C-alpha atoms as a PDB file:
ATOM      1  CA  MET A   1     107.480 123.090 101.314  1.00  0.00           C
ATOM      2  CA  ASN A   2     108.445 122.546 104.938  1.00  0.00           C
ATOM      3  CA  LEU A   3     110.495 119.344 104.940  1.00  0.00           C
ATOM      4  CA  ARG A   4     110.666 119.316 108.730  1.00  0.00           C
ATOM      5  CA  GLN A   5     106.995 118.545 109.326  1.00  0.00           C
ATOM      6  CA  GLY A   6     106.101 114.890 108.951  1.00  0.00           C
ATOM      7  CA  TYR A   7     106.301 113.353 105.498  1.00  0.00           C
ATOM      8  CA  PRO A   8     105.154 116.098 103.108  1.00  0.00           C
ATOM      9  CA  MET A   9     103.357 115.711  99.851  1.00  0.00           C
ATOM     10  CA  PRO A  10     103.939 115.776  96.951  1.00  0.00           C
ATOM     11  CA  TRP A  11     106.493 112.996  97.214  1.00  0.00           C
ATOM     12  CA  TRP A  12     108.469 114.256  94.185  1.00  0.00           C
ATOM     13  CA  GLU A  13     109.916 117.727  94.560  1.00  0.00           C
ATOM     14  CA  ILE A  14     113.464 118.751  93.733  1.00  0.00           C
ATOM     15  CA  VAL A  15     115.288 120.379  96.637  1.00  0.00           C
ATOM     16  CA  ASP A  16     117.964 123.013  96.094  1.00  0.00           C
ATOM     17  CA  ALA A  17     120.596 122.162  98.708  1.00  0.00           C
ATOM     18  CA  THR A  18     123.026 124.865  97.585  1.00  0.00           C
ATOM     19  CA  GLY A  19     124.526 126.686 100.531  1.00  0.00           C
ATOM     20  CA  TRP A  20     123.625 124.085 103.147  1.00  0.00           C
ATOM     21  CA  GLU A  21     126.270 123.834 105.827  1.00  0.00           C
ATOM     22  CA  GLU A  22     128.645 120.911 105.338  1.00  0.00           C
ATOM     23  CA  LEU A  23     129.211 119.030 108.593  1.00  0.00           C
ATOM     24  CA  GLN A  24     131.263 115.911 107.931  1.00  0.00           C
ATOM     25  CA  PRO A  25     131.681 113.285 105.211  1.00  0.00           C
ATOM     26  CA  GLU A  26     130.072 109.875 105.507  1.00  0.00           C
ATOM     27  CA  GLN A  27     132.716 107.291 104.623  1.00  0.00           C
ATOM     28  CA  ARG A  28     130.479 104.249 104.288  1.00  0.00           C
ATOM     29  CA  GLY A  29     129.112 103.137 100.935  1.00  0.00           C
ATOM     30  CA  LEU A  30     130.067 103.550  97.284  1.00  0.00           C
ATOM     31  CA  ARG A  31     128.503 106.956  96.688  1.00  0.00           C
ATOM     32  CA  THR A  32     130.037 110.224  97.847  1.00  0.00           C
ATOM     33  CA  LYS A  33     128.069 111.275 100.935  1.00  0.00           C
ATOM     34  CA  GLN A  34     128.155 114.328 103.169  1.00  0.00           C
ATOM     35  CA  TRP A  35     126.225 115.221 106.309  1.00  0.00           C
ATOM     36  CA  VAL A  36     124.789 118.715 105.852  1.00  0.00           C
ATOM     37  CA  ARG A  37     122.509 121.106 107.740  1.00  0.00           C
ATOM     38  CA  ASP A  38     119.795 123.157 106.038  1.00  0.00           C
ATOM     39  CA  GLN A  39     118.781 126.725 106.874  1.00  0.00           C
ATOM     40  CA  ASP A  40     116.267 125.493 109.469  1.00  0.00           C
ATOM     41  CA  GLY A  41     118.906 123.481 111.334  1.00  0.00           C
ATOM     42  CA  THR A  42     117.741 120.056 110.111  1.00  0.00           C
ATOM     43  CA  VAL A  43     120.501 117.513 109.417  1.00  0.00           C
ATOM     44  CA  TRP A  44     120.480 115.580 106.152  1.00  0.00           C
ATOM     45  CA  LEU A  45     122.685 113.039 104.408  1.00  0.00           C
ATOM     46  CA  ARG A  46     123.534 114.379 100.956  1.00  0.00           C
ATOM     47  CA  LYS A  47     124.344 111.676  98.417  1.00  0.00           C
ATOM     48  CA  SER A  48     125.826 112.280  94.983  1.00  0.00           C
ATOM     49  CA  ILE A  49     125.031 110.095  91.992  1.00  0.00           C
ATOM     50  CA  ARG A  50     127.525 107.254  91.801  1.00  0.00           C
ATOM     51  CA  GLY A  51     130.519 108.107  89.614  1.00  0.00           C
ATOM     52  CA  TRP A  52     129.596 111.793  89.318  1.00  0.00           C
ATOM     53  CA  GLU A  53     133.210 112.889  89.891  1.00  0.00           C
ATOM     54  CA  LYS A  54     134.551 110.827  86.972  1.00  0.00           C
ATOM     55  CA  LEU A  55     131.727 110.812  84.424  1.00  0.00           C
ATOM     56  CA  PRO A  56     129.359 113.652  83.475  1.00  0.00           C
ATOM     57  CA  GLY A  57     125.960 112.649  84.770  1.00  0.00           C
ATOM     58  CA  GLY A  58     127.453 109.776  86.745  1.00  0.00           C
ATOM     59  CA  SER A  59     127.448 106.044  86.037  1.00  0.00           C
ATOM     60  CA  ARG A  60     123.961 105.584  87.525  1.00  0.00           C
ATOM     61  CA  PRO A  61     122.101 108.833  86.827  1.00  0.00           C
ATOM     62  CA  THR A  62     118.680 107.417  87.725  1.00  0.00           C
ATOM     63  CA  GLU A  63     119.636 106.513  91.319  1.00  0.00           C
ATOM     64  CA  PRO A  64     117.980 109.553  92.987  1.00  0.00           C
ATOM     65  CA  ALA A  65     114.705 109.002  91.123  1.00  0.00           C
ATOM     66  CA  VAL A  66     114.664 105.267  91.820  1.00  0.00           C
ATOM     67  CA  GLU A  67     115.425 105.777  95.506  1.00  0.00           C
ATOM     68  CA  CYS A  68     112.716 108.419  95.955  1.00  0.00           C
ATOM     69  CA  PHE A  69     110.198 106.320  94.023  1.00  0.00           C
ATOM     70  CA  THR A  70     110.860 103.111  95.948  1.00  0.00           C
ATOM     71  CA  LEU A  71     110.862 104.898  99.313  1.00  0.00           C
ATOM     72  CA  GLU A  72     107.456 106.299  98.435  1.00  0.00           C
ATOM     73  CA  LEU A  73     106.256 102.849  97.372  1.00  0.00           C
ATOM     74  CA  ALA A  74     107.402 101.565 100.760  1.00  0.00           C
ATOM     75  CA  ARG A  75     105.623 104.380 102.567  1.00  0.00           C
ATOM     76  CA  ARG A  76     102.397 103.522 100.751  1.00  0.00           C
ATOM     77  CA  CYS A  77     102.931  99.907 101.807  1.00  0.00           C
ATOM     78  CA  GLY A  78     102.829 101.031 105.420  1.00  0.00           C
ATOM     79  CA  PHE A  79     106.539 101.333 106.200  1.00  0.00           C
ATOM     80  CA  GLU A  80     108.172 104.119 108.104  1.00  0.00           C
ATOM     81  CA  VAL A  81     110.767 105.389 105.634  1.00  0.00           C
ATOM     82  CA  ALA A  82     113.595 107.882 105.465  1.00  0.00           C
ATOM     83  CA  LEU A  83     112.461 111.203 104.042  1.00  0.00           C
ATOM     84  CA  GLY A  84     114.390 111.433 100.783  1.00  0.00           C
ATOM     85  CA  ARG A  85     114.160 114.006  98.022  1.00  0.00           C
ATOM     86  CA  PRO A  86     115.998 114.571  94.719  1.00  0.00           C
ATOM     87  CA  ALA A  87     118.397 117.445  95.159  1.00  0.00           C
ATOM     88  CA  VAL A  88     120.778 119.751  93.332  1.00  0.00           C
ATOM     89  CA  TRP A  89     123.654 121.794  94.726  1.00  0.00           C
ATOM     90  CA  ASP A  90     126.720 123.643  93.514  1.00  0.00           C
ATOM     91  CA  GLY A  91     129.890 121.596  93.184  1.00  0.00           C
ATOM     92  CA  PRO A  92     133.494 122.491  92.257  1.00  0.00           C
ATOM     93  CA  THR A  93     132.807 122.124  88.520  1.00  0.00           C
ATOM     94  CA  GLY A  94     129.116 122.997  88.315  1.00  0.00           C
ATOM     95  CA  GLN A  95     125.754 121.813  89.516  1.00  0.00           C
ATOM     96  CA  VAL A  96     125.628 118.367  91.105  1.00  0.00           C
ATOM     97  CA  ARG A  97     122.616 116.064  91.247  1.00  0.00           C
ATOM     98  CA  GLY A  98     121.814 113.600  93.956  1.00  0.00           C
ATOM     99  CA  LEU A  99     119.539 113.000  96.897  1.00  0.00           C
ATOM    100  CA  VAL A 100     119.135 114.365 100.405  1.00  0.00           C
ATOM    101  CA  SER A 101     117.856 112.066 103.153  1.00  0.00           C
ATOM    102  CA  ARG A 102     116.788 113.524 106.497  1.00  0.00           C
ATOM    103  CA  ARG A 103     118.376 112.058 109.616  1.00  0.00           C
ATOM    104  CA  PHE A 104     115.671 109.888 111.165  1.00  0.00           C
ATOM    105  CA  HIS A 105     116.799 109.499 114.752  1.00  0.00           C
ATOM    106  CA  ASP A 106     117.420 111.969 117.562  1.00  0.00           C
ATOM    107  CA  GLU A 107     119.946 112.217 120.368  1.00  0.00           C
ATOM    108  CA  SER A 108     118.001 109.800 122.570  1.00  0.00           C
ATOM    109  CA  GLU A 109     118.339 106.975 120.044  1.00  0.00           C
ATOM    110  CA  GLU A 110     121.445 104.999 119.124  1.00  0.00           C
ATOM    111  CA  GLN A 111     121.482 103.684 115.579  1.00  0.00           C
ATOM    112  CA  ARG A 112     122.958 100.193 115.287  1.00  0.00           C
ATOM    113  CA  THR A 113     123.321  98.802 111.782  1.00  0.00           C
ATOM    114  CA  GLY A 114     123.137  95.104 111.098  1.00  0.00           C
ATOM    115  CA  ALA A 115     126.920  94.984 110.883  1.00  0.00           C
ATOM    116  CA  GLU A 116     127.151  96.452 114.379  1.00  0.00           C
ATOM    117  CA  LEU A 117     124.644  93.962 115.776  1.00  0.00           C
ATOM    118  CA  ILE A 118     126.647  90.999 114.481  1.00  0.00           C
ATOM    119  CA  GLU A 119     129.954  90.774 116.324  1.00  0.00           C
ATOM    120  CA  GLY A 120     133.044  90.906 114.152  1.00  0.00           C
ATOM    121  CA  PHE A 121     131.310  92.079 110.962  1.00  0.00           C
ATOM    122  CA  ASP A 122     132.554  94.771 108.595  1.00  0.00           C
ATOM    123  CA  ARG A 123     129.756  96.027 106.369  1.00  0.00           C
ATOM    124  CA  ASP A 124     132.093  96.735 103.450  1.00  0.00           C
ATOM    125  CA  SER A 125     134.194  93.551 103.438  1.00  0.00           C
ATOM    126  CA  ARG A 126     133.444  90.714 101.033  1.00  0.00           C
ATOM    127  CA  GLU A 127     134.071  88.140 103.759  1.00  0.00           C
ATOM    128  CA  SER A 128     131.459  89.684 106.057  1.00  0.00           C
ATOM    129  CA  ARG A 129     128.910  89.886 103.272  1.00  0.00           C
ATOM    130  CA  ILE A 130     129.447  86.216 102.465  1.00  0.00           C
ATOM    131  CA  ALA A 131     129.044  85.328 106.145  1.00  0.00           C
ATOM    132  CA  ALA A 132     125.911  87.484 106.554  1.00  0.00           C
ATOM    133  CA  THR A 133     123.423  84.744 105.763  1.00  0.00           C
ATOM    134  CA  LEU A 134     119.721  85.184 106.419  1.00  0.00           C
ATOM    135  CA  GLU A 135     120.015  82.759 109.321  1.00  0.00           C
ATOM    136  CA  VAL A 136     122.878  84.737 110.909  1.00  0.00           C
ATOM    137  CA  VAL A 137     121.015  88.013 110.531  1.00  0.00           C
ATOM    138  CA  ARG A 138     117.780  86.545 111.842  1.00  0.00           C
ATOM    139  CA  GLY A 139     119.650  85.194 114.854  1.00  0.00           C
ATOM    140  CA  ALA A 140     121.094  88.624 115.691  1.00  0.00           C
ATOM    141  CA  ILE A 141     117.672  90.270 115.474  1.00  0.00           C
ATOM    142  CA  ALA A 142     116.034  87.471 117.472  1.00  0.00           C
ATOM    143  CA  ARG A 143     118.551  87.896 120.292  1.00  0.00           C
ATOM    144  CA  LEU A 144     117.887  91.611 120.469  1.00  0.00           C
ATOM    145  CA  GLN A 145     114.148  90.982 120.348  1.00  0.00           C
ATOM    146  CA  ALA A 146     114.378  88.502 123.227  1.00  0.00           C
ATOM    147  CA  GLY A 147     116.309  90.999 125.315  1.00  0.00           C
ATOM    148  CA  THR A 148     113.967  93.928 124.712  1.00  0.00           C
ATOM    149  CA  GLY A 149     110.555  92.309 124.308  1.00  0.00           C
ATOM    150  CA  VAL A 150     109.964  94.390 121.162  1.00  0.00           C
ATOM    151  CA  ASP A 151     108.928  92.629 117.951  1.00  0.00           C
ATOM    152  CA  LEU A 152     111.780  93.332 115.521  1.00  0.00           C
ATOM    153  CA  LEU A 153     111.510  90.229 113.344  1.00  0.00           C
ATOM    154  CA  THR A 154     108.159  91.149 111.813  1.00  0.00           C
ATOM    155  CA  PRO A 155     109.372  94.484 110.383  1.00  0.00           C
ATOM    156  CA  PHE A 156     112.515  92.734 109.148  1.00  0.00           C
ATOM    157  CA  VAL A 157     110.464  90.095 107.318  1.00  0.00           C
ATOM    158  CA  ARG A 158     108.210  92.810 105.863  1.00  0.00           C
ATOM    159  CA  THR A 159     111.344  94.552 104.576  1.00  0.00           C
ATOM    160  CA  LEU A 160     112.584  91.358 102.925  1.00  0.00           C
ATOM    161  CA  LEU A 161     109.258  90.896 101.176  1.00  0.00           C
ATOM    162  CA  PHE A 162     109.207  94.476  99.916  1.00  0.00           C
ATOM    163  CA  ASP A 163     112.802  94.135  98.684  1.00  0.00           C
ATOM    164  CA  ALA A 164     111.816  90.975  96.832  1.00  0.00           C
ATOM    165  CA  TRP A 165     109.102  92.911  95.015  1.00  0.00           C
ATOM    166  CA  ILE A 166     111.327  95.807  93.905  1.00  0.00           C
ATOM    167  CA  GLY A 167     114.400  93.591  93.411  1.00  0.00           C
ATOM    168  CA  ASN A 168     116.576  95.474  95.886  1.00  0.00           C
ATOM    169  CA  GLY A 169     120.028  93.905  95.752  1.00  0.00           C
ATOM    170  CA  ASP A 170     121.609  96.171  98.352  1.00  0.00           C
ATOM    171  CA  ARG A 171     120.021  95.224 101.697  1.00  0.00           C
ATOM    172  CA  HIS A 172     123.373  94.196 103.149  1.00  0.00           C
ATOM    173  CA  VAL A 173     124.254  94.429 106.857  1.00  0.00           C
ATOM    174  CA  GLY A 174     124.964  98.149 106.551  1.00  0.00           C
ATOM    175  CA  ASN A 175     121.638  99.020 104.939  1.00  0.00           C
ATOM    176  CA  TRP A 176     119.247  98.165 107.738  1.00  0.00           C
ATOM    177  CA  ALA A 177     119.390  99.216 111.361  1.00  0.00           C
ATOM    178  CA  VAL A 178     117.736  99.169 114.755  1.00  0.00           C
ATOM    179  CA  LEU A 179     117.281 102.320 116.840  1.00  0.00           C
ATOM    180  CA  LEU A 180     118.053 101.613 120.475  1.00  0.00           C
ATOM    181  CA  SER A 181     116.390 103.607 123.248  1.00  0.00           C
ATOM    182  CA  ALA A 182     113.984 102.950 126.109  1.00  0.00           C
ATOM    183  CA  THR A 183     111.732 101.482 123.410  1.00  0.00           C
ATOM    184  CA  PRO A 184     113.845 100.023 120.574  1.00  0.00           C
ATOM    185  CA  ARG A 185     112.436 100.061 117.061  1.00  0.00           C
ATOM    186  CA  PHE A 186     113.388  98.912 113.605  1.00  0.00           C
ATOM    187  CA  ALA A 187     114.850 101.904 111.784  1.00  0.00           C
ATOM    188  CA  PRO A 188     112.954 103.536 108.925  1.00  0.00           C
ATOM    189  CA  MET A 189     113.721 102.030 105.537  1.00  0.00           C
ATOM    190  CA  PHE A 190     116.619 103.660 103.701  1.00  0.00           C
ATOM    191  CA  ASP A 191     118.971 103.106 100.733  1.00  0.00           C
ATOM    192  CA  THR A 192     116.581 101.546  98.225  1.00  0.00           C
ATOM    193  CA  ALA A 193     118.349 102.651  95.027  1.00  0.00           C
ATOM    194  CA  GLY A 194     119.836  99.246  94.120  1.00  0.00           C
ATOM    195  CA  CYS A 195     116.922  98.033  92.017  1.00  0.00           C
ATOM    196  CA  LEU A 196     114.662  98.536  88.986  1.00  0.00           C
ATOM    197  CA  GLY A 197     117.521  98.724  86.499  1.00  0.00           C
ATOM    198  CA  THR A 198     119.628 101.552  87.915  1.00  0.00           C
ATOM    199  CA  GLU A 199     122.702  99.767  86.550  1.00  0.00           C
ATOM    200  CA  LEU A 200     121.364  99.530  82.969  1.00  0.00           C
ATOM    201  CA  LEU A 201     122.835 101.905  80.388  1.00  0.00           C
ATOM    202  CA  ARG A 202     120.359 103.731  78.180  1.00  0.00           C
ATOM    203  CA  ASP A 203     121.055 101.548  75.128  1.00  0.00           C
ATOM    204  CA  HIS A 204     120.606  98.268  77.022  1.00  0.00           C
ATOM    205  CA  PRO A 205     118.354  95.746  75.162  1.00  0.00           C
ATOM    206  CA  LEU A 206     116.075  95.418  78.216  1.00  0.00           C
ATOM    207  CA  LEU A 207     115.072  99.073  77.822  1.00  0.00           C
ATOM    208  CA  VAL A 208     113.846  98.628  74.254  1.00  0.00           C
ATOM    209  CA  PRO A 209     110.012  98.837  73.991  1.00  0.00           C
ATOM    210  CA  GLY A 210     109.822  95.463  72.229  1.00  0.00           C
ATOM    211  CA  CYS A 211     111.758  93.610  74.919  1.00  0.00           C
ATOM    212  CA  SER A 212     110.025  90.301  75.594  1.00  0.00           C
ATOM    213  CA  ALA A 213     108.292  89.420  78.826  1.00  0.00           C
ATOM    214  CA  GLN A 214     110.515  86.337  79.058  1.00  0.00           C
ATOM    215  CA  SER A 215     113.671  88.478  78.938  1.00  0.00           C
ATOM    216  CA  LEU A 216     112.322  90.618  81.756  1.00  0.00           C
ATOM    217  CA  LEU A 217     111.434  87.548  83.796  1.00  0.00           C
ATOM    218  CA  ASP A 218     114.914  86.106  83.250  1.00  0.00           C
ATOM    219  CA  TYR A 219     116.410  89.379  84.492  1.00  0.00           C
ATOM    220  CA  ALA A 220     114.088  89.381  87.503  1.00  0.00           C
ATOM    221  CA  ARG A 221     115.135  85.863  88.463  1.00  0.00           C
ATOM    222  CA  LYS A 222     118.787  86.938  88.467  1.00  0.00           C
ATOM    223  CA  CYS A 223     118.253  89.829  90.895  1.00  0.00           C
ATOM    224  CA  LYS A 224     120.484  89.341  93.892  1.00  0.00           C
ATOM    225  CA  SER A 225     120.091  90.312  97.538  1.00  0.00           C
ATOM    226  CA  GLY A 226     122.389  91.670 100.223  1.00  0.00           C
ATOM    227  CA  PHE A 227     122.703  88.319 102.028  1.00  0.00           C
ATOM    228  CA  GLY A 228     125.502  85.802 101.616  1.00  0.00           C
ATOM    229  CA  ASP A 229     125.428  82.024 101.349  1.00  0.00           C
ATOM    230  CA  GLY A 230     128.073  81.452 104.037  1.00  0.00           C
ATOM    231  CA  ARG A 231     130.454  79.874 101.537  1.00  0.00           C
ATOM    232  CA  ALA A 232     131.395  81.922  98.480  1.00  0.00           C
ATOM    233  CA  ARG A 233     128.600  84.237  97.378  1.00  0.00           C
ATOM    234  CA  PRO A 234     128.137  87.707  98.940  1.00  0.00           C
ATOM    235  CA  GLY A 235     124.670  87.999  97.412  1.00  0.00           C
ATOM    236  CA  ILE A 236     122.206  85.131  97.003  1.00  0.00           C
ATOM    237  CA  PHE A 237     119.310  85.553  94.575  1.00  0.00           C
ATOM    238  CA  GLN A 238     116.069  87.167  95.690  1.00  0.00           C
ATOM    239  CA  THR A 239     114.294  83.960  94.719  1.00  0.00           C
ATOM    240  CA  GLU A 240     116.443  82.182  97.324  1.00  0.00           C
ATOM    241  CA  VAL A 241     115.522  84.812  99.920  1.00  0.00           C
ATOM    242  CA  LEU A 242     111.845  84.110  99.234  1.00  0.00           C
ATOM    243  CA  ALA A 243     112.370  80.352  99.493  1.00  0.00           C
ATOM    244  CA  ILE A 244     114.021  80.731 102.898  1.00  0.00           C
ATOM    245  CA  THR A 245     111.813  83.371 104.470  1.00  0.00           C
ATOM    246  CA  ARG A 246     108.564  81.667 103.446  1.00  0.00           C
ATOM    247  CA  THR A 247     109.484  78.956 105.988  1.00  0.00           C
ATOM    248  CA  TRP A 248     109.729  81.457 108.850  1.00  0.00           C
ATOM    249  CA  PRO A 249     106.870  81.693 111.374  1.00  0.00           C
ATOM    250  CA  GLU A 250     106.257  85.393 110.654  1.00  0.00           C
ATOM    251  CA  TRP A 251     105.596  84.777 106.940  1.00  0.00           C
ATOM    252  CA  PRO A 252     101.920  83.661 107.023  1.00  0.00           C
ATOM    253  CA  ALA A 253     100.922  86.819 108.877  1.00  0.00           C
ATOM    254  CA  VAL A 254     103.060  89.190 106.801  1.00  0.00           C
ATOM    255  CA  PHE A 255     102.545  87.913 103.262  1.00  0.00           C
ATOM    256  CA  PRO A 256      98.786  88.349 102.532  1.00  0.00           C
ATOM    257  CA  GLU A 257      98.574  91.980 103.601  1.00  0.00           C
ATOM    258  CA  MET A 258     101.815  92.988 101.912  1.00  0.00           C
ATOM    259  CA  PHE A 259     101.050  91.183  98.660  1.00  0.00           C
ATOM    260  CA  ALA A 260      97.625  92.819  98.518  1.00  0.00           C
ATOM    261  CA  ARG A 261      99.305  96.208  98.840  1.00  0.00           C
ATOM    262  CA  PHE A 262     101.680  95.402  95.963  1.00  0.00           C
ATOM    263  CA  ILE A 263      98.771  94.506  93.705  1.00  0.00           C
ATOM    264  CA  ASP A 264      96.780  97.574  94.702  1.00  0.00           C
ATOM    265  CA  LEU A 265      99.724  99.882  94.049  1.00  0.00           C
ATOM    266  CA  LEU A 266     100.309  98.346  90.615  1.00  0.00           C
ATOM    267  CA  GLU A 267      96.663  98.724  89.674  1.00  0.00           C
ATOM    268  CA  ARG A 268      95.942 102.137  91.133  1.00  0.00           C
ATOM    269  CA  GLU A 269      99.027 104.249  91.843  1.00  0.00           C
ATOM    270  CA  VAL A 270     102.290 103.208  90.166  1.00  0.00           C
ATOM    271  CA  ASP A 271     101.506 104.738  86.758  1.00  0.00           C
ATOM    272  CA  ALA A 272     100.580 108.099  88.252  1.00  0.00           C
ATOM    273  CA  MET A 273     103.678 108.087  90.431  1.00  0.00           C
ATOM    274  CA  LEU A 274     105.968 107.339  87.486  1.00  0.00           C
ATOM    275  CA  SER A 275     104.397 110.137  85.443  1.00  0.00           C
ATOM    276  CA  GLU A 276     105.409 112.677  88.102  1.00  0.00           C
ATOM    277  CA  VAL A 277     109.135 112.149  87.562  1.00  0.00           C
ATOM    278  CA  PRO A 278     110.723 114.385  84.881  1.00  0.00           C
ATOM    279  CA  ASP A 279     112.363 112.704  81.909  1.00  0.00           C
ATOM    280  CA  THR A 280     115.644 114.405  82.755  1.00  0.00           C
ATOM    281  CA  TRP A 281     115.789 112.520  86.058  1.00  0.00           C
ATOM    282  CA  TRP A 282     114.325 109.190  84.912  1.00  0.00           C
ATOM    283  CA  PRO A 283     113.998 108.708  81.126  1.00  0.00           C
ATOM    284  CA  PRO A 284     110.755 107.206  79.774  1.00  0.00           C
ATOM    285  CA  ALA A 285     112.446 103.959  78.693  1.00  0.00           C
ATOM    286  CA  CYS A 286     113.824 103.462  82.221  1.00  0.00           C
ATOM    287  CA  ARG A 287     110.453 104.210  83.835  1.00  0.00           C
ATOM    288  CA  ARG A 288     108.735 101.813  81.449  1.00  0.00           C
ATOM    289  CA  PHE A 289     111.251  99.124  82.395  1.00  0.00           C
ATOM    290  CA  ALA A 290     110.631  99.787  86.106  1.00  0.00           C
ATOM    291  CA  ARG A 291     106.877  99.373  85.577  1.00  0.00           C
ATOM    292  CA  ARG A 292     107.299  96.100  83.732  1.00  0.00           C
ATOM    293  CA  MET A 293     109.813  94.870  86.304  1.00  0.00           C
ATOM    294  CA  LEU A 294     107.387  95.463  89.171  1.00  0.00           C
ATOM    295  CA  GLU A 295     104.796  93.437  87.245  1.00  0.00           C
ATOM    296  CA  ALA A 296     107.264  90.612  86.579  1.00  0.00           C
ATOM    297  CA  ARG A 297     108.526  90.542  90.142  1.00  0.00           C
ATOM    298  CA  VAL A 298     105.079  90.458  91.705  1.00  0.00           C
ATOM    299  CA  LYS A 299     104.551  87.143  89.900  1.00  0.00           C
ATOM    300  CA  LEU A 300     107.740  85.761  91.456  1.00  0.00           C
ATOM    301  CA  VAL A 301     106.610  86.982  94.874  1.00  0.00           C
ATOM    302  CA  GLU A 302     103.222  85.361  94.397  1.00  0.00           C
ATOM    303  CA  GLY A 303     104.939  81.978  94.201  1.00  0.00           C
ATOM    304  CA  ALA A 304     106.076  82.395  97.808  1.00  0.00           C
ATOM    305  CA  ALA A 305     102.545  82.559  99.187  1.00  0.00           C
ATOM    306  CA  PRO A 306     102.155  80.523 102.389  1.00  0.00           C
END
C-alpha cells in the first residue's frame, strides 16, 4: 500500500513503522508522540497508546482502533481528515502499538492551533481550558474569517456536530487548527480518540451484552466536550454544546445534511467497518458498545434539529 497517494483503501491496515527515522519528540498531549520519517521520506506523527510505558498494553489499548475508525467515519461524512493508521514498531522492551498520522500540511502552510489563535492561551493549562468557551473560540475564528474572506465557521460547526455524534470529549483548543497560506483553510480533522468508551476497562458494566439502553443513554448524556464554561468547568457536556451551537446562523444549513449522513452510515456502513477491526485491537464487547453508543448519540443529536 502506498500511503503517500491520497487516502488509500482499505481504511484499516496495520503499518509496521519499525526502522522509521526518528526526528523529534512532540511534547504536546498526554500520549508519547514522536515525529518520524518513513522510507519514502514522508513525515508522520507516531503516537503510542496512553500509559504504554507503565502498563503492558497501556491504559487505553483501544485508542488506535477508535481513532482510525472515527477518522474514517468523518471522511465518509465529507470531512478532510488526517491519514491515520494503526501501527507497530520496536521499542526498548519489545513491540509497541500505536498509531501513525501523516503530516497534513506542507512548507507553504503555517499550522495555527486554536490555542495559538486565542491570545494568551495555553492548550494544556486548566485555566485556559476553562476560559475556552464556545463563544470565545467562535469569536477567534470569526475574526480570522473576516480578515481572510474564507468561510472557516462552517467547517468548525460541522466538526462540532460530528463530535457530538461520536461523543468526542477532546476537541480542546489544541485539537483543531487552521492552516494559514495565500488561501487559509480549516485543518483536516485529527485526534478523535477521546470517545466511544476508550476509557472503559474490559470488565466495565457498560460493556456487558445485557447493559440497558437507559444506562447507555445516561452515559451518552454525560459525555463532555473540550470547551469550558468560563467559570469552573474545563469541559461542558456535549448536550450543552448542541444547545449553544443550534442557535448559531450556520446550524440550519449544516445540520440536515450531516444528520442524514450519520443515519446512512449507521444503516449501511458502520457494522461492516467494525467487523474489519481485529479483536486484538478492539475487542468485540468494546466494538458492540461503540455501535450502541453511536445509536444512542444520534438520538441526542436529533433533538438539536433546527
